[in-house]
């Protein structure tokens, strides 16, 4: 079990995706304040909206794969059972 935790902590792609998600969630606060002139702390845990934390997470996760494999190949990042 210790090696699984160590691998997760050393996974730079995972950390980049989580950081992108976190930053997208944080950015929602000042954007909402500029538009509505009130702080809505519930946005930190909300889904959807702009910027989209889901889109940030998926993009940050797939970007290293696309850089390594190339975007012109006909390979898919999804496992065969997903297709």
PDB file of N, CA and C in Angstrom:
ATOM      1  N   UNK A   1       0.827  -1.191   0.000  1.00  0.00           N
ATOM      2  CA  UNK A   1       0.000   0.000   0.000  1.00  0.00           C
ATOM      3  C   UNK A   1       0.867   1.249   0.000  1.00  0.00           C
ATOM      4  N   UNK A   2       2.037   1.183   0.598  1.00  0.00           N
ATOM      5  CA  UNK A   2       2.924   2.330   0.638  1.00  0.00           C
ATOM      6  C   UNK A   2       3.411   2.739  -0.743  1.00  0.00           C
ATOM      7  N   UNK A   3       3.609   1.773  -1.624  1.00  0.00           N
ATOM      8  CA  UNK A   3       4.091   2.111  -2.964  1.00  0.00           C
ATOM      9  C   UNK A   3       3.010   2.806  -3.789  1.00  0.00           C
ATOM     10  N   UNK A   4       1.753   2.462  -3.562  1.00  0.00           N
ATOM     11  CA  UNK A   4       0.664   3.121  -4.280  1.00  0.00           C
ATOM     12  C   UNK A   4       0.599   4.590  -3.885  1.00  0.00           C
ATOM     13  N   UNK A   5       0.696   4.858  -2.605  1.00  0.00           N
ATOM     14  CA  UNK A   5       0.677   6.245  -2.129  1.00  0.00           C
ATOM     15  C   UNK A   5       1.880   7.009  -2.657  1.00  0.00           C
ATOM     16  N   UNK A   6       3.041   6.365  -2.670  1.00  0.00           N
ATOM     17  CA  UNK A   6       4.242   7.028  -3.178  1.00  0.00           C
ATOM     18  C   UNK A   6       4.115   7.330  -4.667  1.00  0.00           C
ATOM     19  N   UNK A   7       3.526   6.408  -5.425  1.00  0.00           N
ATOM     20  CA  UNK A   7       3.334   6.640  -6.855  1.00  0.00           C
ATOM     21  C   UNK A   7       2.352   7.775  -7.116  1.00  0.00           C
ATOM     22  N   UNK A   8       1.287   7.835  -6.326  1.00  0.00           N
ATOM     23  CA  UNK A   8       0.330   8.928  -6.485  1.00  0.00           C
ATOM     24  C   UNK A   8       0.963  10.276  -6.161  1.00  0.00           C
ATOM     25  N   UNK A   9       1.755  10.322  -5.104  1.00  0.00           N
ATOM     26  CA  UNK A   9       2.415  11.573  -4.729  1.00  0.00           C
ATOM     27  C   UNK A   9       3.464  11.996  -5.752  1.00  0.00           C
ATOM     28  N   UNK A  10       4.042  11.048  -6.475  1.00  0.00           N
ATOM     29  CA  UNK A  10       5.070  11.356  -7.469  1.00  0.00           C
ATOM     30  C   UNK A  10       4.493  11.591  -8.864  1.00  0.00           C
ATOM     31  N   UNK A  11       3.195  11.437  -9.030  1.00  0.00           N
ATOM     32  CA  UNK A  11       2.549  11.562 -10.337  1.00  0.00           C
ATOM     33  C   UNK A  11       2.370  13.036 -10.681  1.00  0.00           C
ATOM     34  N   UNK A  12       3.243  13.565 -11.524  1.00  0.00           N
ATOM     35  CA  UNK A  12       3.208  14.995 -11.866  1.00  0.00           C
ATOM     36  C   UNK A  12       1.991  15.355 -12.701  1.00  0.00           C
ATOM     37  N   UNK A  13       1.517  14.451 -13.530  1.00  0.00           N
ATOM     38  CA  UNK A  13       0.328  14.727 -14.337  1.00  0.00           C
ATOM     39  C   UNK A  13      -0.898  14.868 -13.431  1.00  0.00           C
ATOM     40  N   UNK A  14      -1.012  14.007 -12.450  1.00  0.00           N
ATOM     41  CA  UNK A  14      -2.112  14.096 -11.496  1.00  0.00           C
ATOM     42  C   UNK A  14      -2.071  15.423 -10.752  1.00  0.00           C
ATOM     43  N   UNK A  15      -0.898  15.818 -10.282  1.00  0.00           N
ATOM     44  CA  UNK A  15      -0.759  17.080  -9.551  1.00  0.00           C
ATOM     45  C   UNK A  15      -1.067  18.273 -10.440  1.00  0.00           C
ATOM     46  N   UNK A  16      -0.666  18.225 -11.711  1.00  0.00           N
ATOM     47  CA  UNK A  16      -0.966  19.324 -12.634  1.00  0.00           C
ATOM     48  C   UNK A  16      -2.474  19.428 -12.862  1.00  0.00           C
ATOM     49  N   UNK A  17      -3.142  18.286 -13.014  1.00  0.00           N
ATOM     50  CA  UNK A  17      -4.590  18.294 -13.221  1.00  0.00           C
ATOM     51  C   UNK A  17      -5.314  18.826 -11.987  1.00  0.00           C
ATOM     52  N   UNK A  18      -4.898  18.409 -10.809  1.00  0.00           N
ATOM     53  CA  UNK A  18      -5.522  18.903  -9.582  1.00  0.00           C
ATOM     54  C   UNK A  18      -5.262  20.392  -9.378  1.00  0.00           C
ATOM     55  N   UNK A  19      -4.072  20.845  -9.722  1.00  0.00           N
ATOM     56  CA  UNK A  19      -3.762  22.266  -9.625  1.00  0.00           C
ATOM     57  C   UNK A  19      -4.623  23.076 -10.593  1.00  0.00           C
ATOM     58  N   UNK A  20      -4.814  22.590 -11.802  1.00  0.00           N
ATOM     59  CA  UNK A  20      -5.663  23.275 -12.776  1.00  0.00           C
ATOM     60  C   UNK A  20      -7.105  23.352 -12.271  1.00  0.00           C
ATOM     61  N   UNK A  21      -7.597  22.277 -11.700  1.00  0.00           N
ATOM     62  CA  UNK A  21      -8.950  22.270 -11.141  1.00  0.00           C
ATOM     63  C   UNK A  21      -9.061  23.289 -10.012  1.00  0.00           C
ATOM     64  N   UNK A  22      -8.085  23.286  -9.114  1.00  0.00           N
ATOM     65  CA  UNK A  22      -8.093  24.188  -7.958  1.00  0.00           C
ATOM     66  C   UNK A  22      -8.042  25.651  -8.409  1.00  0.00           C
ATOM     67  N   UNK A  23      -7.176  25.966  -9.360  1.00  0.00           N
ATOM     68  CA  UNK A  23      -7.071  27.342  -9.838  1.00  0.00           C
ATOM     69  C   UNK A  23      -8.361  27.795 -10.523  1.00  0.00           C
ATOM     70  N   UNK A  24      -8.988  26.916 -11.279  1.00  0.00           N
ATOM     71  CA  UNK A  24     -10.259  27.272 -11.919  1.00  0.00           C
ATOM     72  C   UNK A  24     -11.325  27.563 -10.872  1.00  0.00           C
ATOM     73  N   UNK A  25     -11.332  26.786  -9.798  1.00  0.00           N
ATOM     74  CA  UNK A  25     -12.295  27.033  -8.727  1.00  0.00           C
ATOM     75  C   UNK A  25     -12.008  28.366  -8.031  1.00  0.00           C
ATOM     76  N   UNK A  26     -10.742  28.665  -7.780  1.00  0.00           N
ATOM     77  CA  UNK A  26     -10.362  29.903  -7.089  1.00  0.00           C
ATOM     78  C   UNK A  26     -10.685  31.124  -7.946  1.00  0.00           C
ATOM     79  N   UNK A  27     -10.464  31.034  -9.243  1.00  0.00           N
ATOM     80  CA  UNK A  27     -10.683  32.173 -10.144  1.00  0.00           C
ATOM     81  C   UNK A  27     -12.158  32.566 -10.189  1.00  0.00           C
ATOM     82  N   UNK A  28     -13.052  31.625  -9.891  1.00  0.00           N
ATOM     83  CA  UNK A  28     -14.474  31.932  -9.914  1.00  0.00           C
ATOM     84  C   UNK A  28     -14.839  33.019  -8.902  1.00  0.00           C
ATOM     85  N   UNK A  29     -14.146  33.050  -7.773  1.00  0.00           N
ATOM     86  CA  UNK A  29     -14.486  34.015  -6.719  1.00  0.00           C
ATOM     87  C   UNK A  29     -14.322  35.467  -7.162  1.00  0.00           C
ATOM     88  N   UNK A  30     -13.128  35.900  -7.605  1.00  0.00           N
ATOM     89  CA  UNK A  30     -13.011  37.308  -8.010  1.00  0.00           C
ATOM     90  C   UNK A  30     -13.835  37.644  -9.253  1.00  0.00           C
ATOM     91  N   UNK A  31     -14.006  36.697 -10.163  1.00  0.00           N
ATOM     92  CA  UNK A  31     -14.840  36.965 -11.331  1.00  0.00           C
ATOM     93  C   UNK A  31     -16.286  37.213 -10.925  1.00  0.00           C
ATOM     94  N   UNK A  32     -16.783  36.414 -10.008  1.00  0.00           N
ATOM     95  CA  UNK A  32     -18.147  36.602  -9.521  1.00  0.00           C
ATOM     96  C   UNK A  32     -18.266  37.927  -8.768  1.00  0.00           C
ATOM     97  N   UNK A  33     -17.241  38.280  -7.998  1.00  0.00           N
ATOM     98  CA  UNK A  33     -17.274  39.542  -7.266  1.00  0.00           C
ATOM     99  C   UNK A  33     -17.302  40.737  -8.220  1.00  0.00           C
ATOM    100  N   UNK A  34     -16.523  40.676  -9.293  1.00  0.00           N
ATOM    101  CA  UNK A  34     -16.507  41.776 -10.259  1.00  0.00           C
ATOM    102  C   UNK A  34     -17.860  41.919 -10.961  1.00  0.00           C
ATOM    103  N   UNK A  35     -18.559  40.815 -11.155  1.00  0.00           N
ATOM    104  CA  UNK A  35     -19.843  40.880 -11.861  1.00  0.00           C
ATOM    105  C   UNK A  35     -21.011  41.228 -10.932  1.00  0.00           C
ATOM    106  N   UNK A  36     -21.019  40.682  -9.719  1.00  0.00           N
ATOM    107  CA  UNK A  36     -22.188  40.810  -8.836  1.00  0.00           C
ATOM    108  C   UNK A  36     -21.906  41.614  -7.569  1.00  0.00           C
ATOM    109  N   UNK A  37     -20.667  42.014  -7.354  1.00  0.00           N
ATOM    110  CA  UNK A  37     -20.265  42.805  -6.180  1.00  0.00           C
ATOM    111  C   UNK A  37     -20.624  42.131  -4.860  1.00  0.00           C
ATOM    112  N   UNK A  38     -20.442  40.828  -4.814  1.00  0.00           N
ATOM    113  CA  UNK A  38     -20.617  40.069  -3.578  1.00  0.00           C
ATOM    114  C   UNK A  38     -19.739  38.817  -3.636  1.00  0.00           C
ATOM    115  N   UNK A  39     -19.291  38.391  -2.486  1.00  0.00           N
ATOM    116  CA  UNK A  39     -18.471  37.180  -2.400  1.00  0.00           C
ATOM    117  C   UNK A  39     -19.383  35.992  -2.205  1.00  0.00           C
ATOM    118  N   UNK A  40     -19.302  35.035  -3.090  1.00  0.00           N
ATOM    119  CA  UNK A  40     -20.099  33.807  -3.008  1.00  0.00           C
ATOM    120  C   UNK A  40     -19.146  32.637  -2.782  1.00  0.00           C
ATOM    121  N   UNK A  41     -18.941  32.294  -1.516  1.00  0.00           N
ATOM    122  CA  UNK A  41     -17.967  31.257  -1.163  1.00  0.00           C
ATOM    123  C   UNK A  41     -18.430  29.868  -1.584  1.00  0.00           C
ATOM    124  N   UNK A  42     -19.701  29.714  -1.896  1.00  0.00           N
ATOM    125  CA  UNK A  42     -20.209  28.429  -2.371  1.00  0.00           C
ATOM    126  C   UNK A  42     -19.658  28.045  -3.732  1.00  0.00           C
ATOM    127  N   UNK A  43     -19.135  29.029  -4.457  1.00  0.00           N
ATOM    128  CA  UNK A  43     -18.558  28.741  -5.774  1.00  0.00           C
ATOM    129  C   UNK A  43     -17.318  27.850  -5.690  1.00  0.00           C
ATOM    130  N   UNK A  44     -16.669  27.836  -4.527  1.00  0.00           N
ATOM    131  CA  UNK A  44     -15.471  27.002  -4.380  1.00  0.00           C
ATOM    132  C   UNK A  44     -15.781  25.520  -4.540  1.00  0.00           C
ATOM    133  N   UNK A  45     -16.979  25.132  -4.187  1.00  0.00           N
ATOM    134  CA  UNK A  45     -17.358  23.716  -4.260  1.00  0.00           C
ATOM    135  C   UNK A  45     -18.394  23.435  -5.342  1.00  0.00           C
ATOM    136  N   UNK A  46     -18.734  24.453  -6.134  1.00  0.00           N
ATOM    137  CA  UNK A  46     -19.765  24.262  -7.145  1.00  0.00           C
ATOM    138  C   UNK A  46     -19.189  23.670  -8.421  1.00  0.00           C
ATOM    139  N   UNK A  47     -20.034  22.997  -9.151  1.00  0.00           N
ATOM    140  CA  UNK A  47     -19.655  22.456 -10.455  1.00  0.00           C
ATOM    141  C   UNK A  47     -20.211  23.374 -11.532  1.00  0.00           C
ATOM    142  N   UNK A  48     -19.555  23.406 -12.660  1.00  0.00           N
ATOM    143  CA  UNK A  48     -20.029  24.222 -13.761  1.00  0.00           C
ATOM    144  C   UNK A  48     -19.601  25.671 -13.636  1.00  0.00           C
ATOM    145  N   UNK A  49     -20.129  26.485 -14.492  1.00  0.00           N
ATOM    146  CA  UNK A  49     -19.773  27.897 -14.484  1.00  0.00           C
ATOM    147  C   UNK A  49     -18.511  28.151 -15.280  1.00  0.00           C
ATOM    148  N   UNK A  50     -18.090  29.397 -15.255  1.00  0.00           N
ATOM    149  CA  UNK A  50     -16.862  29.786 -15.951  1.00  0.00           C
ATOM    150  C   UNK A  50     -15.899  30.370 -14.954  1.00  0.00           C
ATOM    151  N   UNK A  51     -14.678  30.014 -14.932  1.00  0.00           N
ATOM    152  CA  UNK A  51     -14.087  28.979 -15.775  1.00  0.00           C
ATOM    153  C   UNK A  51     -14.503  27.590 -15.303  1.00  0.00           C
ATOM    154  N   UNK A  52     -14.563  26.681 -16.228  1.00  0.00           N
ATOM    155  CA  UNK A  52     -15.007  25.332 -15.917  1.00  0.00           C
ATOM    156  C   UNK A  52     -13.867  24.530 -15.295  1.00  0.00           C
ATOM    157  N   UNK A  53     -14.066  24.120 -14.062  1.00  0.00           N
ATOM    158  CA  UNK A  53     -13.031  23.333 -13.391  1.00  0.00           C
ATOM    159  C   UNK A  53     -12.917  21.945 -14.009  1.00  0.00           C
ATOM    160  N   UNK A  54     -14.024  21.410 -14.516  1.00  0.00           N
ATOM    161  CA  UNK A  54     -13.974  20.101 -15.167  1.00  0.00           C
ATOM    162  C   UNK A  54     -13.146  20.175 -16.442  1.00  0.00           C
ATOM    163  N   UNK A  55     -13.369  21.208 -17.238  1.00  0.00           N
ATOM    164  CA  UNK A  55     -12.586  21.368 -18.472  1.00  0.00           C
ATOM    165  C   UNK A  55     -11.108  21.558 -18.157  1.00  0.00           C
ATOM    166  N   UNK A  56     -10.811  22.308 -17.114  1.00  0.00           N
ATOM    167  CA  UNK A  56      -9.415  22.509 -16.723  1.00  0.00           C
ATOM    168  C   UNK A  56      -8.773  21.197 -16.302  1.00  0.00           C
ATOM    169  N   UNK A  57      -9.504  20.392 -15.549  1.00  0.00           N
ATOM    170  CA  UNK A  57      -8.987  19.097 -15.091  1.00  0.00           C
ATOM    171  C   UNK A  57      -8.717  18.163 -16.266  1.00  0.00           C
ATOM    172  N   UNK A  58      -9.672  18.051 -17.182  1.00  0.00           N
ATOM    173  CA  UNK A  58      -9.525  17.140 -18.319  1.00  0.00           C
ATOM    174  C   UNK A  58      -8.413  17.612 -19.253  1.00  0.00           C
ATOM    175  N   UNK A  59      -8.357  18.907 -19.507  1.00  0.00           N
ATOM    176  CA  UNK A  59      -7.320  19.440 -20.393  1.00  0.00           C
ATOM    177  C   UNK A  59      -5.937  19.235 -19.804  1.00  0.00           C
ATOM    178  N   UNK A  60      -5.784  19.512 -18.510  1.00  0.00           N
ATOM    179  CA  UNK A  60      -4.482  19.323 -17.864  1.00  0.00           C
ATOM    180  C   UNK A  60      -4.092  17.850 -17.830  1.00  0.00           C
ATOM    181  N   UNK A  61      -5.057  16.961 -17.774  1.00  0.00           N
ATOM    182  CA  UNK A  61      -4.775  15.527 -17.754  1.00  0.00           C
ATOM    183  C   UNK A  61      -4.373  15.017 -19.133  1.00  0.00           C
ATOM    184  N   UNK A  62      -5.018  15.509 -20.188  1.00  0.00           N
ATOM    185  CA  UNK A  62      -4.755  14.991 -21.528  1.00  0.00           C
ATOM    186  C   UNK A  62      -3.628  15.718 -22.257  1.00  0.00           C
ATOM    187  N   UNK A  63      -3.269  16.907 -21.829  1.00  0.00           N
ATOM    188  CA  UNK A  63      -2.208  17.661 -22.499  1.00  0.00           C
ATOM    189  C   UNK A  63      -0.879  16.897 -22.527  1.00  0.00           C
ATOM    190  N   UNK A  64      -0.396  16.351 -21.409  1.00  0.00           N
ATOM    191  CA  UNK A  64       0.869  15.593 -21.481  1.00  0.00           C
ATOM    192  C   UNK A  64       0.783  14.387 -22.410  1.00  0.00           C
ATOM    193  N   UNK A  65      -0.374  13.738 -22.446  1.00  0.00           N
ATOM    194  CA  UNK A  65      -0.545  12.597 -23.340  1.00  0.00           C
ATOM    195  C   UNK A  65      -0.432  13.051 -24.792  1.00  0.00           C
ATOM    196  N   UNK A  66      -1.081  14.161 -25.136  1.00  0.00           N
ATOM    197  CA  UNK A  66      -1.037  14.664 -26.510  1.00  0.00           C
ATOM    198  C   UNK A  66       0.368  15.121 -26.883  1.00  0.00           C
ATOM    199  N   UNK A  67       1.076  15.711 -25.937  1.00  0.00           N
ATOM    200  CA  UNK A  67       2.447  16.149 -26.217  1.00  0.00           C
ATOM    201  C   UNK A  67       3.371  14.960 -26.446  1.00  0.00           C
ATOM    202  N   UNK A  68       3.157  13.899 -25.703  1.00  0.00           N
ATOM    203  CA  UNK A  68       4.020  12.722 -25.832  1.00  0.00           C
ATOM    204  C   UNK A  68       3.673  11.899 -27.064  1.00  0.00           C
ATOM    205  N   UNK A  69       2.408  11.670 -27.307  1.00  0.00           N
ATOM    206  CA  UNK A  69       1.988  10.794 -28.407  1.00  0.00           C
ATOM    207  C   UNK A  69       1.781  11.544 -29.715  1.00  0.00           C
ATOM    208  N   UNK A  70       1.570  12.837 -29.637  1.00  0.00           N
ATOM    209  CA  UNK A  70       1.308  13.617 -30.841  1.00  0.00           C
ATOM    210  C   UNK A  70      -0.176  13.683 -31.128  1.00  0.00           C
ATOM    211  N   UNK A  71      -0.597  14.754 -31.708  1.00  0.00           N
ATOM    212  CA  UNK A  71      -2.035  14.923 -31.942  1.00  0.00           C
ATOM    213  C   UNK A  71      -2.469  14.415 -33.309  1.00  0.00           C
ATOM    214  N   UNK A  72      -1.534  14.028 -34.174  1.00  0.00           N
ATOM    215  CA  UNK A  72      -1.916  13.570 -35.502  1.00  0.00           C
ATOM    216  C   UNK A  72      -2.056  12.057 -35.586  1.00  0.00           C
ATOM    217  N   UNK A  73      -1.628  11.350 -34.586  1.00  0.00           N
ATOM    218  CA  UNK A  73      -1.778   9.900 -34.599  1.00  0.00           C
ATOM    219  C   UNK A  73      -3.225   9.514 -34.356  1.00  0.00           C
ATOM    220  N   UNK A  74      -3.573   8.338 -34.809  1.00  0.00           N
ATOM    221  CA  UNK A  74      -4.940   7.874 -34.620  1.00  0.00           C
ATOM    222  C   UNK A  74      -5.069   7.021 -33.365  1.00  0.00           C
ATOM    223  N   UNK A  75      -4.297   7.330 -32.382  1.00  0.00           N
ATOM    224  CA  UNK A  75      -4.415   6.627 -31.107  1.00  0.00           C
ATOM    225  C   UNK A  75      -5.407   7.359 -30.218  1.00  0.00           C
ATOM    226  N   UNK A  76      -5.962   6.644 -29.296  1.00  0.00           N
ATOM    227  CA  UNK A  76      -6.908   7.241 -28.368  1.00  0.00           C
ATOM    228  C   UNK A  76      -6.327   7.175 -26.961  1.00  0.00           C
ATOM    229  N   UNK A  77      -6.554   8.207 -26.143  1.00  0.00           N
ATOM    230  CA  UNK A  77      -6.086   8.157 -24.761  1.00  0.00           C
ATOM    231  C   UNK A  77      -6.941   7.251 -23.895  1.00  0.00           C
ATOM    232  N   UNK A  78      -8.094   6.816 -24.428  1.00  0.00           N
ATOM    233  CA  UNK A  78      -9.010   6.014 -23.639  1.00  0.00           C
ATOM    234  C   UNK A  78      -8.667   4.532 -23.759  1.00  0.00           C
ATOM    235  N   UNK A  79      -8.870   3.771 -22.713  1.00  0.00           N
ATOM    236  CA  UNK A  79      -8.624   2.332 -22.775  1.00  0.00           C
ATOM    237  C   UNK A  79      -9.584   1.681 -23.775  1.00  0.00           C
ATOM    238  N   UNK A  80      -9.240   0.484 -24.229  1.00  0.00           N
ATOM    239  CA  UNK A  80     -10.042  -0.177 -25.262  1.00  0.00           C
ATOM    240  C   UNK A  80     -11.459  -0.464 -24.790  1.00  0.00           C
ATOM    241  N   UNK A  81     -11.665  -0.718 -23.516  1.00  0.00           N
ATOM    242  CA  UNK A  81     -13.002  -1.005 -23.023  1.00  0.00           C
ATOM    243  C   UNK A  81     -13.878   0.244 -22.989  1.00  0.00           C
ATOM    244  N   UNK A  82     -13.282   1.421 -23.086  1.00  0.00           N
ATOM    245  CA  UNK A  82     -14.050   2.671 -23.014  1.00  0.00           C
ATOM    246  C   UNK A  82     -14.679   2.997 -24.382  1.00  0.00           C
ATOM    247  N   UNK A  83     -14.040   2.561 -25.448  1.00  0.00           N
ATOM    248  CA  UNK A  83     -14.509   2.914 -26.793  1.00  0.00           C
ATOM    249  C   UNK A  83     -15.765   2.186 -27.173  1.00  0.00           C
TER     250      UNK A  83
END
